[in-house]
């Protein structure tokens, strides 16, 4: 849980708009099954996505659902093409 709290702290410190969903949210509401990921839902606006990228940069995020995972690299002016990130 400490890692999740740290990730949430990073998002809050960078003022990312988000809500926690999925297994971690269920655990905080009393579910007994623990997951090993943090699912969030956030507005895919350029400012918010760039704040998200900035918050996660120290963790070296990569695009997970690709044949060859590549580093997360969101660029100003190109954020509108994204619909989801894994």
PDB file of N, CA and C in Angstrom:
ATOM      1  N   UNK A   1       0.812  -1.201   0.000  1.00  0.00           N
ATOM      2  CA  UNK A   1       0.000   0.000   0.000  1.00  0.00           C
ATOM      3  C   UNK A   1       0.853   1.261   0.000  1.00  0.00           C
ATOM      4  N   UNK A   2       2.062   1.213   0.552  1.00  0.00           N
ATOM      5  CA  UNK A   2       2.920   2.394   0.596  1.00  0.00           C
ATOM      6  C   UNK A   2       3.233   2.909  -0.800  1.00  0.00           C
ATOM      7  N   UNK A   3       3.489   1.994  -1.753  1.00  0.00           N
ATOM      8  CA  UNK A   3       3.771   2.419  -3.121  1.00  0.00           C
ATOM      9  C   UNK A   3       2.573   3.135  -3.728  1.00  0.00           C
ATOM     10  N   UNK A   4       1.375   2.629  -3.469  1.00  0.00           N
ATOM     11  CA  UNK A   4       0.172   3.270  -3.985  1.00  0.00           C
ATOM     12  C   UNK A   4       0.010   4.660  -3.379  1.00  0.00           C
ATOM     13  N   UNK A   5       0.227   4.751  -2.074  1.00  0.00           N
ATOM     14  CA  UNK A   5       0.126   6.053  -1.415  1.00  0.00           C
ATOM     15  C   UNK A   5       1.146   7.025  -1.987  1.00  0.00           C
ATOM     16  N   UNK A   6       2.344   6.531  -2.296  1.00  0.00           N
ATOM     17  CA  UNK A   6       3.369   7.375  -2.893  1.00  0.00           C
ATOM     18  C   UNK A   6       2.969   7.867  -4.276  1.00  0.00           C
ATOM     19  N   UNK A   7       2.390   6.970  -5.071  1.00  0.00           N
ATOM     20  CA  UNK A   7       1.936   7.374  -6.412  1.00  0.00           C
ATOM     21  C   UNK A   7       0.809   8.395  -6.319  1.00  0.00           C
ATOM     22  N   UNK A   8      -0.128   8.145  -5.434  1.00  0.00           N
ATOM     23  CA  UNK A   8      -1.229   9.096  -5.256  1.00  0.00           C
ATOM     24  C   UNK A   8      -0.685  10.433  -4.774  1.00  0.00           C
ATOM     25  N   UNK A   9       0.281  10.403  -3.884  1.00  0.00           N
ATOM     26  CA  UNK A   9       0.908  11.632  -3.411  1.00  0.00           C
ATOM     27  C   UNK A   9       1.559  12.411  -4.537  1.00  0.00           C
ATOM     28  N   UNK A  10       2.219  11.717  -5.459  1.00  0.00           N
ATOM     29  CA  UNK A  10       2.830  12.380  -6.619  1.00  0.00           C
ATOM     30  C   UNK A  10       1.774  13.081  -7.467  1.00  0.00           C
ATOM     31  N   UNK A  11       0.662  12.386  -7.694  1.00  0.00           N
ATOM     32  CA  UNK A  11      -0.413  12.962  -8.513  1.00  0.00           C
ATOM     33  C   UNK A  11      -1.004  14.198  -7.837  1.00  0.00           C
ATOM     34  N   UNK A  12      -1.223  14.093  -6.531  1.00  0.00           N
ATOM     35  CA  UNK A  12      -1.778  15.229  -5.793  1.00  0.00           C
ATOM     36  C   UNK A  12      -0.819  16.409  -5.767  1.00  0.00           C
ATOM     37  N   UNK A  13       0.466  16.138  -5.602  1.00  0.00           N
ATOM     38  CA  UNK A  13       1.464  17.213  -5.544  1.00  0.00           C
ATOM     39  C   UNK A  13       1.541  17.987  -6.856  1.00  0.00           C
ATOM     40  N   UNK A  14       1.247  17.315  -7.976  1.00  0.00           N
ATOM     41  CA  UNK A  14       1.296  17.971  -9.292  1.00  0.00           C
ATOM     42  C   UNK A  14      -0.085  18.479  -9.728  1.00  0.00           C
ATOM     43  N   UNK A  15      -1.061  18.352  -8.847  1.00  0.00           N
ATOM     44  CA  UNK A  15      -2.424  18.839  -9.102  1.00  0.00           C
ATOM     45  C   UNK A  15      -3.079  18.166 -10.306  1.00  0.00           C
ATOM     46  N   UNK A  16      -2.830  16.866 -10.451  1.00  0.00           N
ATOM     47  CA  UNK A  16      -3.482  16.085 -11.502  1.00  0.00           C
ATOM     48  C   UNK A  16      -4.926  15.860 -11.082  1.00  0.00           C
ATOM     49  N   UNK A  17      -5.861  16.079 -11.999  1.00  0.00           N
ATOM     50  CA  UNK A  17      -7.268  15.752 -11.726  1.00  0.00           C
ATOM     51  C   UNK A  17      -7.447  14.266 -11.975  1.00  0.00           C
ATOM     52  N   UNK A  18      -7.933  13.520 -10.980  1.00  0.00           N
ATOM     53  CA  UNK A  18      -8.120  12.081 -11.142  1.00  0.00           C
ATOM     54  C   UNK A  18      -9.017  11.542 -10.032  1.00  0.00           C
ATOM     55  N   UNK A  19      -9.536  10.354 -10.273  1.00  0.00           N
ATOM     56  CA  UNK A  19     -10.208   9.572  -9.239  1.00  0.00           C
ATOM     57  C   UNK A  19      -9.606   8.177  -9.282  1.00  0.00           C
ATOM     58  N   UNK A  20      -9.518   7.549  -8.128  1.00  0.00           N
ATOM     59  CA  UNK A  20      -9.007   6.184  -8.033  1.00  0.00           C
ATOM     60  C   UNK A  20     -10.163   5.241  -8.301  1.00  0.00           C
ATOM     61  N   UNK A  21      -9.936   4.265  -9.167  1.00  0.00           N
ATOM     62  CA  UNK A  21     -10.945   3.260  -9.502  1.00  0.00           C
ATOM     63  C   UNK A  21     -10.307   1.884  -9.375  1.00  0.00           C
ATOM     64  N   UNK A  22     -11.045   0.847  -9.612  1.00  0.00           N
ATOM     65  CA  UNK A  22     -10.487  -0.500  -9.641  1.00  0.00           C
ATOM     66  C   UNK A  22     -10.250  -1.095  -8.265  1.00  0.00           C
ATOM     67  N   UNK A  23      -9.328  -2.040  -8.238  1.00  0.00           N
ATOM     68  CA  UNK A  23      -9.074  -2.825  -7.029  1.00  0.00           C
ATOM     69  C   UNK A  23      -8.622  -2.013  -5.835  1.00  0.00           C
ATOM     70  N   UNK A  24      -7.745  -1.034  -6.037  1.00  0.00           N
ATOM     71  CA  UNK A  24      -7.269  -0.224  -4.921  1.00  0.00           C
ATOM     72  C   UNK A  24      -8.420   0.550  -4.304  1.00  0.00           C
ATOM     73  N   UNK A  25      -9.299   1.071  -5.139  1.00  0.00           N
ATOM     74  CA  UNK A  25     -10.470   1.784  -4.625  1.00  0.00           C
ATOM     75  C   UNK A  25     -11.349   0.827  -3.822  1.00  0.00           C
ATOM     76  N   UNK A  26     -11.502  -0.393  -4.312  1.00  0.00           N
ATOM     77  CA  UNK A  26     -12.318  -1.381  -3.598  1.00  0.00           C
ATOM     78  C   UNK A  26     -11.711  -1.721  -2.236  1.00  0.00           C
ATOM     79  N   UNK A  27     -10.389  -1.853  -2.184  1.00  0.00           N
ATOM     80  CA  UNK A  27      -9.717  -2.168  -0.919  1.00  0.00           C
ATOM     81  C   UNK A  27      -9.932  -1.045   0.085  1.00  0.00           C
ATOM     82  N   UNK A  28      -9.869   0.199  -0.367  1.00  0.00           N
ATOM     83  CA  UNK A  28     -10.064   1.312   0.562  1.00  0.00           C
ATOM     84  C   UNK A  28     -11.493   1.357   1.092  1.00  0.00           C
ATOM     85  N   UNK A  29     -12.387   0.642   0.415  1.00  0.00           N
ATOM     86  CA  UNK A  29     -13.776   0.569   0.873  1.00  0.00           C
ATOM     87  C   UNK A  29     -14.081  -0.759   1.567  1.00  0.00           C
ATOM     88  N   UNK A  30     -13.033  -1.533   1.878  1.00  0.00           N
ATOM     89  CA  UNK A  30     -13.235  -2.728   2.686  1.00  0.00           C
ATOM     90  C   UNK A  30     -13.106  -4.060   1.978  1.00  0.00           C
ATOM     91  N   UNK A  31     -12.866  -4.076   0.673  1.00  0.00           N
ATOM     92  CA  UNK A  31     -12.685  -5.359  -0.019  1.00  0.00           C
ATOM     93  C   UNK A  31     -11.420  -6.031   0.510  1.00  0.00           C
ATOM     94  N   UNK A  32     -11.407  -7.360   0.530  1.00  0.00           N
ATOM     95  CA  UNK A  32     -10.256  -8.072   1.089  1.00  0.00           C
ATOM     96  C   UNK A  32      -9.250  -8.501   0.023  1.00  0.00           C
ATOM     97  N   UNK A  33      -9.603  -8.458  -1.244  1.00  0.00           N
ATOM     98  CA  UNK A  33      -8.672  -8.824  -2.312  1.00  0.00           C
ATOM     99  C   UNK A  33      -7.773  -7.640  -2.627  1.00  0.00           C
ATOM    100  N   UNK A  34      -6.472  -7.867  -2.543  1.00  0.00           N
ATOM    101  CA  UNK A  34      -5.503  -6.804  -2.806  1.00  0.00           C
ATOM    102  C   UNK A  34      -5.014  -6.923  -4.241  1.00  0.00           C
ATOM    103  N   UNK A  35      -4.974  -5.806  -4.945  1.00  0.00           N
ATOM    104  CA  UNK A  35      -4.437  -5.810  -6.302  1.00  0.00           C
ATOM    105  C   UNK A  35      -3.046  -5.204  -6.281  1.00  0.00           C
ATOM    106  N   UNK A  36      -2.328  -5.374  -7.349  1.00  0.00           N
ATOM    107  CA  UNK A  36      -0.956  -4.865  -7.422  1.00  0.00           C
ATOM    108  C   UNK A  36      -0.834  -3.778  -8.490  1.00  0.00           C
ATOM    109  N   UNK A  37      -1.915  -3.075  -8.724  1.00  0.00           N
ATOM    110  CA  UNK A  37      -1.880  -1.973  -9.674  1.00  0.00           C
ATOM    111  C   UNK A  37      -2.743  -0.839  -9.162  1.00  0.00           C
ATOM    112  N   UNK A  38      -2.535   0.321  -9.734  1.00  0.00           N
ATOM    113  CA  UNK A  38      -3.322   1.495  -9.367  1.00  0.00           C
ATOM    114  C   UNK A  38      -4.027   1.982 -10.620  1.00  0.00           C
ATOM    115  N   UNK A  39      -5.337   1.905 -10.623  1.00  0.00           N
ATOM    116  CA  UNK A  39      -6.137   2.368 -11.750  1.00  0.00           C
ATOM    117  C   UNK A  39      -6.718   3.728 -11.399  1.00  0.00           C
ATOM    118  N   UNK A  40      -6.556   4.668 -12.326  1.00  0.00           N
ATOM    119  CA  UNK A  40      -7.166   5.982 -12.143  1.00  0.00           C
ATOM    120  C   UNK A  40      -7.920   6.348 -13.401  1.00  0.00           C
ATOM    121  N   UNK A  41      -8.836   7.245 -13.246  1.00  0.00           N
ATOM    122  CA  UNK A  41      -9.580   7.821 -14.357  1.00  0.00           C
ATOM    123  C   UNK A  41      -9.347   9.323 -14.271  1.00  0.00           C
ATOM    124  N   UNK A  42      -8.997   9.940 -15.403  1.00  0.00           N
ATOM    125  CA  UNK A  42      -8.714  11.373 -15.368  1.00  0.00           C
ATOM    126  C   UNK A  42      -9.130  12.027 -16.675  1.00  0.00           C
ATOM    127  N   UNK A  43      -9.392  13.327 -16.646  1.00  0.00           N
ATOM    128  CA  UNK A  43      -9.683  14.043 -17.882  1.00  0.00           C
ATOM    129  C   UNK A  43      -8.454  14.023 -18.799  1.00  0.00           C
ATOM    130  N   UNK A  44      -8.674  13.724 -20.059  1.00  0.00           N
ATOM    131  CA  UNK A  44      -7.574  13.670 -21.017  1.00  0.00           C
ATOM    132  C   UNK A  44      -7.389  15.022 -21.699  1.00  0.00           C
ATOM    133  N   UNK A  45      -7.279  16.055 -20.888  1.00  0.00           N
ATOM    134  CA  UNK A  45      -6.955  17.373 -21.425  1.00  0.00           C
ATOM    135  C   UNK A  45      -5.439  17.482 -21.486  1.00  0.00           C
ATOM    136  N   UNK A  46      -4.957  18.335 -22.366  1.00  0.00           N
ATOM    137  CA  UNK A  46      -3.507  18.486 -22.477  1.00  0.00           C
ATOM    138  C   UNK A  46      -2.857  18.907 -21.160  1.00  0.00           C
ATOM    139  N   UNK A  47      -3.386  19.917 -20.481  1.00  0.00           N
ATOM    140  CA  UNK A  47      -2.741  20.295 -19.212  1.00  0.00           C
ATOM    141  C   UNK A  47      -2.719  19.153 -18.196  1.00  0.00           C
ATOM    142  N   UNK A  48      -3.797  18.402 -18.096  1.00  0.00           N
ATOM    143  CA  UNK A  48      -3.849  17.322 -17.112  1.00  0.00           C
ATOM    144  C   UNK A  48      -2.908  16.179 -17.482  1.00  0.00           C
ATOM    145  N   UNK A  49      -2.858  15.830 -18.766  1.00  0.00           N
ATOM    146  CA  UNK A  49      -1.964  14.755 -19.185  1.00  0.00           C
ATOM    147  C   UNK A  49      -0.497  15.136 -18.983  1.00  0.00           C
ATOM    148  N   UNK A  50      -0.160  16.384 -19.237  1.00  0.00           N
ATOM    149  CA  UNK A  50       1.221  16.814 -19.035  1.00  0.00           C
ATOM    150  C   UNK A  50       1.579  16.823 -17.546  1.00  0.00           C
ATOM    151  N   UNK A  51       0.618  17.170 -16.680  1.00  0.00           N
ATOM    152  CA  UNK A  51       0.854  17.085 -15.240  1.00  0.00           C
ATOM    153  C   UNK A  51       1.011  15.628 -14.806  1.00  0.00           C
ATOM    154  N   UNK A  52       0.207  14.748 -15.379  1.00  0.00           N
ATOM    155  CA  UNK A  52       0.308  13.315 -15.086  1.00  0.00           C
ATOM    156  C   UNK A  52       1.688  12.799 -15.475  1.00  0.00           C
ATOM    157  N   UNK A  53       2.139  13.146 -16.671  1.00  0.00           N
ATOM    158  CA  UNK A  53       3.457  12.714 -17.133  1.00  0.00           C
ATOM    159  C   UNK A  53       4.558  13.237 -16.208  1.00  0.00           C
ATOM    160  N   UNK A  54       4.441  14.491 -15.812  1.00  0.00           N
ATOM    161  CA  UNK A  54       5.429  15.084 -14.912  1.00  0.00           C
ATOM    162  C   UNK A  54       5.447  14.354 -13.565  1.00  0.00           C
ATOM    163  N   UNK A  55       4.272  14.029 -13.056  1.00  0.00           N
ATOM    164  CA  UNK A  55       4.175  13.348 -11.766  1.00  0.00           C
ATOM    165  C   UNK A  55       4.791  11.950 -11.818  1.00  0.00           C
ATOM    166  N   UNK A  56       4.628  11.268 -12.944  1.00  0.00           N
ATOM    167  CA  UNK A  56       5.109   9.891 -13.060  1.00  0.00           C
ATOM    168  C   UNK A  56       6.528   9.778 -13.591  1.00  0.00           C
ATOM    169  N   UNK A  57       7.103  10.859 -14.090  1.00  0.00           N
ATOM    170  CA  UNK A  57       8.429  10.819 -14.722  1.00  0.00           C
ATOM    171  C   UNK A  57       9.494  10.106 -13.876  1.00  0.00           C
ATOM    172  N   UNK A  58       9.570  10.355 -12.561  1.00  0.00           N
ATOM    173  CA  UNK A  58      10.603   9.674 -11.768  1.00  0.00           C
ATOM    174  C   UNK A  58      10.443   8.149 -11.709  1.00  0.00           C
ATOM    175  N   UNK A  59       9.287   7.635 -12.082  1.00  0.00           N
ATOM    176  CA  UNK A  59       9.057   6.187 -12.040  1.00  0.00           C
ATOM    177  C   UNK A  59       9.360   5.514 -13.374  1.00  0.00           C
ATOM    178  N   UNK A  60       9.790   6.306 -14.368  1.00  0.00           N
ATOM    179  CA  UNK A  60      10.116   5.793 -15.707  1.00  0.00           C
ATOM    180  C   UNK A  60       8.953   5.025 -16.338  1.00  0.00           C
ATOM    181  N   UNK A  61       7.794   5.668 -16.512  1.00  0.00           N
ATOM    182  CA  UNK A  61       6.632   4.965 -17.064  1.00  0.00           C
ATOM    183  C   UNK A  61       6.829   4.591 -18.535  1.00  0.00           C
ATOM    184  N   UNK A  62       6.225   3.473 -18.917  1.00  0.00           N
ATOM    185  CA  UNK A  62       6.243   3.010 -20.308  1.00  0.00           C
ATOM    186  C   UNK A  62       4.817   2.677 -20.724  1.00  0.00           C
ATOM    187  N   UNK A  63       4.586   2.675 -22.038  1.00  0.00           N
ATOM    188  CA  UNK A  63       3.304   2.212 -22.572  1.00  0.00           C
ATOM    189  C   UNK A  63       3.299   0.692 -22.428  1.00  0.00           C
ATOM    190  N   UNK A  64       2.379   0.169 -21.649  1.00  0.00           N
ATOM    191  CA  UNK A  64       2.391  -1.245 -21.296  1.00  0.00           C
ATOM    192  C   UNK A  64       1.838  -2.147 -22.381  1.00  0.00           C
ATOM    193  N   UNK A  65       0.782  -1.752 -23.049  1.00  0.00           N
ATOM    194  CA  UNK A  65       0.132  -2.657 -23.991  1.00  0.00           C
ATOM    195  C   UNK A  65       0.653  -2.391 -25.405  1.00  0.00           C
ATOM    196  N   UNK A  66       1.913  -2.709 -25.605  1.00  0.00           N
ATOM    197  CA  UNK A  66       2.555  -2.644 -26.912  1.00  0.00           C
ATOM    198  C   UNK A  66       3.525  -3.820 -27.002  1.00  0.00           C
ATOM    199  N   UNK A  67       3.896  -4.156 -28.217  1.00  0.00           N
ATOM    200  CA  UNK A  67       4.836  -5.268 -28.409  1.00  0.00           C
ATOM    201  C   UNK A  67       6.179  -4.930 -27.772  1.00  0.00           C
ATOM    202  N   UNK A  68       6.643  -3.708 -28.014  1.00  0.00           N
ATOM    203  CA  UNK A  68       7.896  -3.237 -27.447  1.00  0.00           C
ATOM    204  C   UNK A  68       7.596  -2.012 -26.592  1.00  0.00           C
ATOM    205  N   UNK A  69       7.469  -2.194 -25.264  1.00  0.00           N
ATOM    206  CA  UNK A  69       7.132  -1.048 -24.414  1.00  0.00           C
ATOM    207  C   UNK A  69       8.087   0.129 -24.642  1.00  0.00           C
ATOM    208  N   UNK A  70       7.509   1.289 -24.858  1.00  0.00           N
ATOM    209  CA  UNK A  70       8.305   2.491 -25.077  1.00  0.00           C
ATOM    210  C   UNK A  70       8.013   3.497 -23.968  1.00  0.00           C
ATOM    211  N   UNK A  71       8.982   4.374 -23.694  1.00  0.00           N
ATOM    212  CA  UNK A  71       8.770   5.369 -22.640  1.00  0.00           C
ATOM    213  C   UNK A  71       7.562   6.262 -22.932  1.00  0.00           C
ATOM    214  N   UNK A  72       6.894   6.663 -21.873  1.00  0.00           N
ATOM    215  CA  UNK A  72       5.781   7.599 -22.010  1.00  0.00           C
ATOM    216  C   UNK A  72       6.342   8.941 -22.452  1.00  0.00           C
ATOM    217  N   UNK A  73       5.870   9.447 -23.566  1.00  0.00           N
ATOM    218  CA  UNK A  73       6.358  10.728 -24.084  1.00  0.00           C
ATOM    219  C   UNK A  73       5.173  11.503 -24.673  1.00  0.00           C
ATOM    220  N   UNK A  74       4.469  12.212 -23.808  1.00  0.00           N
ATOM    221  CA  UNK A  74       3.355  13.045 -24.249  1.00  0.00           C
ATOM    222  C   UNK A  74       3.901  14.422 -24.591  1.00  0.00           C
ATOM    223  N   UNK A  75       3.555  14.921 -25.752  1.00  0.00           N
ATOM    224  CA  UNK A  75       4.064  16.204 -26.204  1.00  0.00           C
ATOM    225  C   UNK A  75       2.941  17.222 -26.292  1.00  0.00           C
ATOM    226  N   UNK A  76       3.226  18.471 -25.918  1.00  0.00           N
ATOM    227  CA  UNK A  76       2.216  19.519 -26.095  1.00  0.00           C
ATOM    228  C   UNK A  76       1.773  19.558 -27.565  1.00  0.00           C
ATOM    229  N   UNK A  77       0.490  19.683 -27.772  1.00  0.00           N
ATOM    230  CA  UNK A  77      -0.054  19.707 -29.124  1.00  0.00           C
ATOM    231  C   UNK A  77      -0.418  18.340 -29.674  1.00  0.00           C
ATOM    232  N   UNK A  78      -0.016  17.266 -28.980  1.00  0.00           N
ATOM    233  CA  UNK A  78      -0.327  15.912 -29.444  1.00  0.00           C
ATOM    234  C   UNK A  78      -1.161  15.114 -28.444  1.00  0.00           C
ATOM    235  N   UNK A  79      -1.523  15.728 -27.332  1.00  0.00           N
ATOM    236  CA  UNK A  79      -2.247  15.004 -26.285  1.00  0.00           C
ATOM    237  C   UNK A  79      -3.667  14.630 -26.700  1.00  0.00           C
ATOM    238  N   UNK A  80      -4.253  15.375 -27.621  1.00  0.00           N
ATOM    239  CA  UNK A  80      -5.651  15.123 -27.979  1.00  0.00           C
ATOM    240  C   UNK A  80      -5.863  13.776 -28.661  1.00  0.00           C
ATOM    241  N   UNK A  81      -4.815  13.154 -29.164  1.00  0.00           N
ATOM    242  CA  UNK A  81      -4.983  11.858 -29.841  1.00  0.00           C
ATOM    243  C   UNK A  81      -5.092  10.693 -28.874  1.00  0.00           C
ATOM    244  N   UNK A  82      -4.709  10.878 -27.622  1.00  0.00           N
ATOM    245  CA  UNK A  82      -4.744   9.809 -26.646  1.00  0.00           C
ATOM    246  C   UNK A  82      -6.159   9.602 -26.106  1.00  0.00           C
ATOM    247  N   UNK A  83      -6.553   8.345 -25.963  1.00  0.00           N
ATOM    248  CA  UNK A  83      -7.867   8.006 -25.409  1.00  0.00           C
ATOM    249  C   UNK A  83      -7.735   7.209 -24.120  1.00  0.00           C
ATOM    250  N   UNK A  84      -6.622   6.490 -23.965  1.00  0.00           N
ATOM    251  CA  UNK A  84      -6.342   5.748 -22.728  1.00  0.00           C
ATOM    252  C   UNK A  84      -4.845   5.484 -22.654  1.00  0.00           C
ATOM    253  N   UNK A  85      -4.361   5.256 -21.458  1.00  0.00           N
ATOM    254  CA  UNK A  85      -2.953   4.938 -21.220  1.00  0.00           C
ATOM    255  C   UNK A  85      -2.903   3.757 -20.262  1.00  0.00           C
ATOM    256  N   UNK A  86      -2.015   2.832 -20.537  1.00  0.00           N
ATOM    257  CA  UNK A  86      -1.845   1.672 -19.661  1.00  0.00           C
ATOM    258  C   UNK A  86      -0.411   1.625 -19.186  1.00  0.00           C
TER     259      UNK A  86
END
